[in-house]
Protein backbone atom coordinates (compact mmCIF):
# COMPACT_ATOMS: atom_id res chain seq x y z
CA UNK A 1 0.00 0.00 0.00
CA UNK A 2 1.67 3.20 -1.10
CA UNK A 3 0.06 6.43 0.05
CA UNK A 4 1.39 9.32 -2.03
CA UNK A 5 0.29 12.78 -3.06
CA UNK A 6 1.98 12.85 -6.45
CA UNK A 7 -1.22 14.08 -8.07
CA UNK A 8 -1.47 17.12 -5.84
CA UNK A 9 2.05 18.12 -4.90
CA UNK A 10 2.40 20.71 -7.73
CA UNK A 11 -0.71 22.54 -6.51
CA UNK A 12 -0.22 25.65 -4.43
CA UNK A 13 -1.45 25.59 -0.84
CA UNK A 14 -3.44 28.78 -1.39
CA UNK A 15 -6.66 29.03 -3.37
CA UNK A 16 -4.94 30.40 -6.49
CA UNK A 17 -4.94 26.89 -7.97
CA UNK A 18 -8.72 26.85 -7.80
CA UNK A 19 -9.29 30.21 -9.52
CA UNK A 20 -6.97 29.73 -12.48
CA UNK A 21 -9.72 28.93 -15.01
CA UNK A 22 -12.50 31.22 -16.28
CA UNK A 23 -15.53 31.27 -14.05
CA UNK A 24 -18.68 29.53 -15.28
CA UNK A 25 -22.10 29.92 -13.71
CA UNK A 26 -23.57 26.56 -12.66
CA UNK A 27 -27.26 25.86 -12.31
CA UNK A 28 -28.35 25.04 -8.78
CA UNK A 29 -29.31 21.39 -8.30
CA UNK A 30 -32.35 20.27 -6.32
CA UNK A 31 -32.25 17.63 -3.60
CA UNK A 32 -33.55 14.82 -5.80
CA UNK A 33 -30.86 15.52 -8.42
CA UNK A 34 -28.19 15.62 -5.72
CA UNK A 35 -29.40 12.29 -4.37
CA UNK A 36 -29.38 10.74 -7.85
CA UNK A 37 -25.85 11.96 -8.55
CA UNK A 38 -24.62 10.53 -5.25
CA UNK A 39 -25.92 7.12 -6.26
CA UNK A 40 -23.21 7.03 -8.90
CA UNK A 41 -20.42 8.07 -6.53
CA UNK A 42 -17.82 5.39 -5.80
CA UNK A 43 -18.10 3.18 -2.74
CA UNK A 44 -15.33 3.34 -0.16
CA UNK A 45 -14.80 -0.05 1.47
CA UNK A 46 -12.13 1.29 3.84
CA UNK A 47 -14.71 3.34 5.70
CA UNK A 48 -16.11 0.23 7.34
CA UNK A 49 -13.21 -2.23 7.34
CA UNK A 50 -9.51 -2.68 6.74
CA UNK A 51 -7.14 -5.64 6.54
CA UNK A 52 -8.85 -8.43 8.47
CA UNK A 53 -5.72 -10.04 9.87
CA UNK A 54 -4.48 -6.76 11.30
CA UNK A 55 -7.94 -5.86 12.58
CA UNK A 56 -8.24 -9.12 14.53
CA UNK A 57 -4.86 -8.68 16.13
CA UNK A 58 -5.55 -5.04 16.99
CA UNK A 59 -8.69 -6.14 18.79
CA UNK A 60 -6.55 -8.42 20.94
CA UNK A 61 -4.32 -7.34 23.80
CA UNK A 62 -0.70 -6.23 23.92
CA UNK A 63 0.60 -9.82 24.00
CA UNK A 64 0.31 -9.93 20.21
CA UNK A 65 2.72 -7.08 19.42
CA UNK A 66 5.09 -9.42 17.59
CA UNK A 67 2.31 -10.63 15.26
CA UNK A 68 1.13 -7.06 14.68
CA UNK A 69 4.67 -6.02 13.84
CA UNK A 70 5.00 -8.88 11.33
CA UNK A 71 1.82 -7.85 9.48
CA UNK A 72 2.93 -4.20 9.41
CA UNK A 73 6.28 -5.22 7.89
CA UNK A 74 4.39 -6.53 4.85
CA UNK A 75 3.04 -3.04 4.16
CA UNK A 76 5.95 -0.65 3.43
CA UNK A 77 3.73 2.45 3.47
CA UNK A 78 2.23 1.62 6.87
CA UNK A 79 5.61 0.59 8.29
CA UNK A 80 7.24 3.84 7.21
CA UNK A 81 4.46 5.92 8.71
CA UNK A 82 4.57 3.95 11.93
CA UNK A 83 8.28 4.66 12.43
CA UNK A 84 7.85 8.32 11.49
CA UNK A 85 4.96 8.68 13.93
CA UNK A 86 6.74 7.10 16.87
CA UNK A 87 9.82 9.25 16.25
CA UNK A 88 7.63 12.36 16.13
CA UNK A 89 6.08 11.39 19.46
CA UNK A 90 9.52 10.78 20.98
CA UNK A 91 11.26 13.73 19.30
CA UNK A 92 14.29 14.81 21.27
CA UNK A 93 14.50 11.55 23.20
CA UNK A 94 17.55 9.31 22.99
CA UNK A 95 15.30 6.28 23.51
CA UNK A 96 13.13 6.69 20.43
CA UNK A 97 12.28 3.27 18.91
CA UNK A 98 14.16 2.36 15.74
CA UNK A 99 12.39 -0.86 14.69
CA UNK A 100 8.81 -2.00 14.08
CA UNK A 101 8.57 -4.20 17.20
CA UNK A 102 9.59 -1.38 19.54
CA UNK A 103 7.38 1.10 17.71
CA UNK A 104 4.34 -1.16 18.14
CA UNK A 105 5.11 -1.51 21.84
CA UNK A 106 5.56 2.24 22.41
CA UNK A 107 2.56 3.41 20.39
CA UNK A 108 0.09 0.78 21.51
CA UNK A 109 -2.68 -0.86 19.55
CA UNK A 110 -5.06 2.12 19.60
CA UNK A 111 -2.71 4.47 17.72
CA UNK A 112 -1.75 1.72 15.29
CA UNK A 113 -5.42 1.06 14.59
CA UNK A 114 -5.89 4.76 13.86
CA UNK A 115 -2.84 4.83 11.61
CA UNK A 116 -4.05 1.79 9.65
CA UNK A 117 -7.50 3.34 9.16
CA UNK A 118 -5.99 6.66 8.15
CA UNK A 119 -3.76 5.16 5.47
CA UNK A 120 -6.59 3.14 3.93
CA UNK A 121 -9.21 5.91 4.04
CA UNK A 122 -7.02 8.57 2.44
CA UNK A 123 -6.02 6.19 -0.35
CA UNK A 124 -9.67 5.52 -1.17
CA UNK A 125 -10.64 9.18 -1.07
CA UNK A 126 -7.76 10.11 -3.36
CA UNK A 127 -9.42 7.99 -6.05
CA UNK A 128 -12.42 10.33 -5.92
CA UNK A 129 -10.44 13.55 -6.26
CA UNK A 130 -7.78 12.81 -8.87
CA UNK A 131 -9.30 15.08 -11.51
CA UNK A 132 -10.12 18.09 -9.31
CA UNK A 133 -7.55 20.83 -8.70
CA UNK A 134 -7.53 21.66 -5.01
CA UNK A 135 -4.87 21.70 -2.27
CA UNK A 136 -5.70 18.17 -1.13
CA UNK A 137 -2.54 17.60 0.89
CA UNK A 138 -3.19 20.60 3.18
CA UNK A 139 -6.85 19.53 3.25
CA UNK A 140 -5.89 16.12 4.66
CA UNK A 141 -3.58 17.77 7.17
CA UNK A 142 -6.61 19.72 8.40
CA UNK A 143 -8.77 16.58 8.61
CA UNK A 144 -6.15 14.51 10.43
CA UNK A 145 -5.40 17.36 12.83
CA UNK A 146 -9.13 17.64 13.56
CA UNK A 147 -9.28 13.90 14.25
CA UNK A 148 -6.32 14.12 16.63
CA UNK A 149 -7.78 17.13 18.44
CA UNK A 150 -11.16 15.44 18.72
CA UNK A 151 -9.49 12.53 20.50
CA UNK A 152 -7.67 14.97 22.83
CA UNK A 153 -10.92 16.77 23.70
CA UNK A 154 -12.78 13.52 24.36
CA UNK A 155 -9.90 12.44 26.63
CA UNK A 156 -10.20 15.70 28.58
CA UNK A 157 -13.80 14.78 29.27
CA UNK A 158 -12.54 11.43 30.55
CA UNK A 159 -14.99 9.62 28.31
CA UNK A 160 -14.39 6.74 25.90
CA UNK A 161 -15.85 6.61 22.42
CA UNK A 162 -13.78 3.71 21.01
CA UNK A 163 -12.73 4.94 17.54
CA UNK A 164 -15.92 6.93 16.88
CA UNK A 165 -14.42 10.27 17.88
CA UNK A 166 -11.25 9.83 15.82
CA UNK A 167 -13.02 8.59 12.68
CA UNK A 168 -15.70 11.28 12.99
CA UNK A 169 -13.01 13.96 13.14
CA UNK A 170 -11.27 12.46 10.12
CA UNK A 171 -14.50 12.35 8.10
CA UNK A 172 -16.08 15.65 9.17
CA UNK A 173 -15.40 17.35 5.81
CA UNK A 174 -16.16 14.32 3.64
CA UNK A 175 -18.85 16.39 1.89
CA UNK A 176 -16.14 18.54 0.29
CA UNK A 177 -14.52 15.45 -1.22
CA UNK A 178 -17.85 14.18 -2.50
CA UNK A 179 -18.65 17.63 -3.90
CA UNK A 180 -15.33 17.72 -5.77
CA UNK A 181 -15.94 14.24 -7.18
CA UNK A 182 -19.65 14.35 -8.06
CA UNK A 183 -20.16 18.09 -8.69
CA UNK A 184 -16.78 19.30 -9.96
CA UNK A 185 -18.10 22.40 -11.78
CA UNK A 186 -20.06 23.55 -8.75
CA UNK A 187 -17.12 22.78 -6.46
CA UNK A 188 -14.81 24.90 -8.57
CA UNK A 189 -17.24 27.80 -8.78
CA UNK A 190 -17.83 27.73 -5.02
CA UNK A 191 -14.14 28.09 -4.20
CA UNK A 192 -13.61 30.51 -7.04
CA UNK A 193 -16.34 32.75 -5.66
CA UNK A 194 -15.03 32.34 -2.10
CA UNK A 195 -11.56 33.43 -3.22
CA UNK A 196 -12.82 36.39 -5.26
CA UNK A 197 -15.44 37.95 -3.01
CA UNK A 198 -15.16 36.16 0.34
CA UNK A 199 -18.17 35.29 2.45
CA UNK A 200 -19.34 32.30 4.43
CA UNK A 201 -18.33 29.07 2.67
CA UNK A 202 -21.44 27.10 3.59
CA UNK A 203 -23.72 29.91 2.42
CA UNK A 204 -21.91 29.98 -0.92
CA UNK A 205 -22.23 26.19 -1.20
CA UNK A 206 -25.98 26.38 -0.66
CA UNK A 207 -26.30 29.25 -3.12
CA UNK A 208 -24.28 27.57 -5.88
CA UNK A 209 -25.09 23.88 -5.41
CA UNK A 210 -28.26 23.95 -3.33
CA UNK A 211 -26.76 21.96 -0.44
CA UNK A 212 -23.74 22.57 1.82
CA UNK A 213 -20.85 20.17 2.44
CA UNK A 214 -22.17 19.05 5.84
CA UNK A 215 -25.52 17.95 4.44
CA UNK A 216 -23.91 16.46 1.34
CA UNK A 217 -21.45 14.47 3.44
CA UNK A 218 -24.26 13.09 5.58
CA UNK A 219 -26.24 12.08 2.49
CA UNK A 220 -23.21 10.29 1.06
CA UNK A 221 -22.36 8.41 4.27
CA UNK A 222 -25.98 7.31 4.60
CA UNK A 223 -25.84 5.92 1.06
CA UNK A 224 -22.63 4.13 2.04
CA UNK A 225 -24.61 2.58 4.93
CA UNK A 226 -22.21 3.80 7.57
CA UNK A 227 -23.43 3.81 11.17
CA UNK A 228 -25.81 6.66 11.90
CA UNK A 229 -23.37 8.11 14.44
CA UNK A 230 -21.08 9.26 11.61
CA UNK A 231 -23.97 10.54 9.52
CA UNK A 232 -25.22 12.67 12.40
CA UNK A 233 -21.82 14.06 13.38
CA UNK A 234 -20.87 14.96 9.80
CA UNK A 235 -24.25 16.61 9.25
CA UNK A 236 -24.02 18.72 12.41
CA UNK A 237 -20.31 19.38 12.82
CA UNK A 238 -20.95 23.11 12.37
CA UNK A 239 -24.05 23.06 14.61
CA UNK A 240 -23.51 20.34 17.23
CA UNK A 241 -26.46 21.55 19.29
CA UNK A 242 -28.70 20.04 16.59
CA UNK A 243 -27.29 16.53 17.04
CA UNK A 244 -29.83 14.43 18.92
CA UNK A 245 -27.93 11.29 19.85
CA UNK A 246 -24.19 12.00 19.71
CA UNK A 247 -24.08 15.61 20.79
CA UNK A 248 -20.81 15.45 22.72
CA UNK A 249 -18.81 13.87 19.89
CA UNK A 250 -20.33 16.34 17.40
CA UNK A 251 -19.36 19.15 19.78
CA UNK A 252 -15.80 17.81 20.07
CA UNK A 253 -15.45 17.65 16.27
CA UNK A 254 -16.89 21.16 15.91
CA UNK A 255 -14.54 22.58 18.54
CA UNK A 256 -11.55 20.72 17.07
CA UNK A 257 -12.30 22.11 13.62
CA UNK A 258 -12.29 25.66 15.03
CA UNK A 259 -9.04 25.15 16.95
CA UNK A 260 -7.23 23.61 13.99
CA UNK A 261 -8.39 26.43 11.70
CA UNK A 262 -7.32 29.00 14.31
CA UNK A 263 -3.86 27.38 14.45
CA UNK A 264 -3.79 27.34 10.62
CA UNK A 265 -2.89 23.66 10.50
CA UNK A 266 -3.60 22.50 6.96
CA UNK A 267 -6.28 24.04 4.76
CA UNK A 268 -9.94 23.04 4.87
CA UNK A 269 -10.86 25.47 2.08
CA UNK A 270 -12.67 27.62 4.64
CA UNK A 271 -10.48 30.68 5.12
CA UNK A 272 -12.74 32.59 7.49
CA UNK A 273 -10.60 33.78 10.39
CA UNK A 274 -11.12 32.01 13.71
CA UNK A 275 -10.22 34.65 16.28
CA UNK A 276 -8.40 33.79 19.47
CA UNK A 277 -10.83 32.70 22.22
CA UNK A 278 -13.82 32.82 19.84
CA UNK A 279 -14.40 29.10 20.49
CA UNK A 280 -15.31 29.96 24.10
CA UNK A 281 -18.61 31.25 22.72
CA UNK A 282 -19.11 28.36 20.31
CA UNK A 283 -21.83 25.77 20.70
CA UNK A 284 -19.21 23.02 20.90
CA UNK A 285 -17.39 24.59 23.85
CA UNK A 286 -20.62 25.35 25.72
CA UNK A 287 -21.87 21.78 25.28
CA UNK A 288 -18.63 20.23 26.51
CA UNK A 289 -17.20 22.71 29.00
CA UNK A 290 -19.86 25.35 29.60
CA UNK A 291 -20.09 24.55 33.32
CA UNK A 292 -16.37 24.92 34.01
CA UNK A 293 -15.05 27.67 36.27
CA UNK A 294 -12.22 30.04 35.33
CA UNK A 295 -9.49 27.85 36.80
CA UNK A 296 -10.78 24.79 34.98
CA UNK A 297 -11.05 26.73 31.71
CA UNK A 298 -7.41 27.84 32.04
CA UNK A 299 -6.34 24.23 32.55
CA UNK A 300 -8.40 23.10 29.56
CA UNK A 301 -6.97 25.77 27.27
CA UNK A 302 -3.40 24.97 28.37
CA UNK A 303 -3.97 21.31 27.57
CA UNK A 304 -5.55 22.08 24.20
CA UNK A 305 -2.77 24.50 23.27
CA UNK A 306 -0.13 21.90 24.07
CA UNK A 307 -1.97 19.37 21.91
CA UNK A 308 -2.18 21.83 19.02
CA UNK A 309 1.55 22.51 19.27
CA UNK A 310 2.35 18.77 19.02
CA UNK A 311 0.19 18.07 16.00
CA UNK A 312 2.39 19.56 13.21
CA UNK A 313 5.26 17.21 14.15
CA UNK A 314 2.90 14.21 14.05
CA UNK A 315 1.51 15.29 10.70
CA UNK A 316 4.99 15.33 9.18
CA UNK A 317 5.03 11.56 9.56
CA UNK A 318 1.61 11.07 7.96
CA UNK A 319 1.14 13.42 4.99
C-alpha cells in the first residue's frame, strides 16, 4: 500500500490553484438531483473495514505485538508511517524506537489502529479527487489534525468513544470530497467565488449547489450505509447543538475544527478567520465545557494548546 500525493504536490497551498480557469455559472441542483448523482459516486470499502488479519490482532491485547509487527512489515507504506509517527512522538528523546517491534510496543494498539484506518481511508478518497484541482494535501492535514484534536478533547472529558471520535473527526469534511468528485463544476465555482469575493463558505455552497458540504457528506455516508453516528456528526459538525444522539462527539469535532483552523494547520478550504478565544462562545465549547469555572477553563486551554503545538510534528510523519 503506497500512500502518495503525487497528483497534488504541484498545486499551491493557497486558493490560487482553484481560480486559475474562467468562471462559469452553474445551475443550482435540487435535492432529488443531488441524491441521484450521489448514487453514482464510488463506494469506499475502507470506511467500514480494513485488513482483516491486522484488525483481529488489533482487537486483541498487547501480547500480540510481535504478530502485529510482522503484518505491518508486509506493508511498506504503513511501516514507514509507523516509524515516522513514533519518532515524532519521541522527538528529542535518545530512547526513540528504531524498529517496528519497539514502535508497536511504544505506540500501543489504539494508535496503530488509527494509523491503519488513516492510510486506507485517504487512499480511497484520493481515487475520488484525482481530476479536481484543489490543495488536497493541506486539506488532509486539516482533517487529520481535527481527528487528533477530537481525541484529545474527548480524553479531557474522561470519556471513551472507542474509535468513533477519531473517525468522525477524520470524516467531518467528507462532503467537500464528494462535492469535488460528483459536482466538480459547482465545487470549482464555489471556491472561485469564495476566493474572489469572500463570504461564508457554507452559504456559498448552498447558493451555488443547493446543499452545503455538511448535508452532502451526511447524504453520502448514509448511502454508504455507515453507522448513523457518523452521519449525524458529519451533518451537524458546524451546529452540534442540533445533534440528537451523539451531541458530545459532534461538539468535540466542531470545537476541534475551530481550533485547527485557528492554528492554521492544513487548509480546509474555509479561510474565514477564527479569532483567538472565539471558540469559548461556540456551541461546541458550551456543550462540553460550559459549566467549568475560570481555573478549569485555564487548565483546559493549556492542555488544548499543548496538543495543538504537538500536531504539526505528528503530521509530518503522515502526509
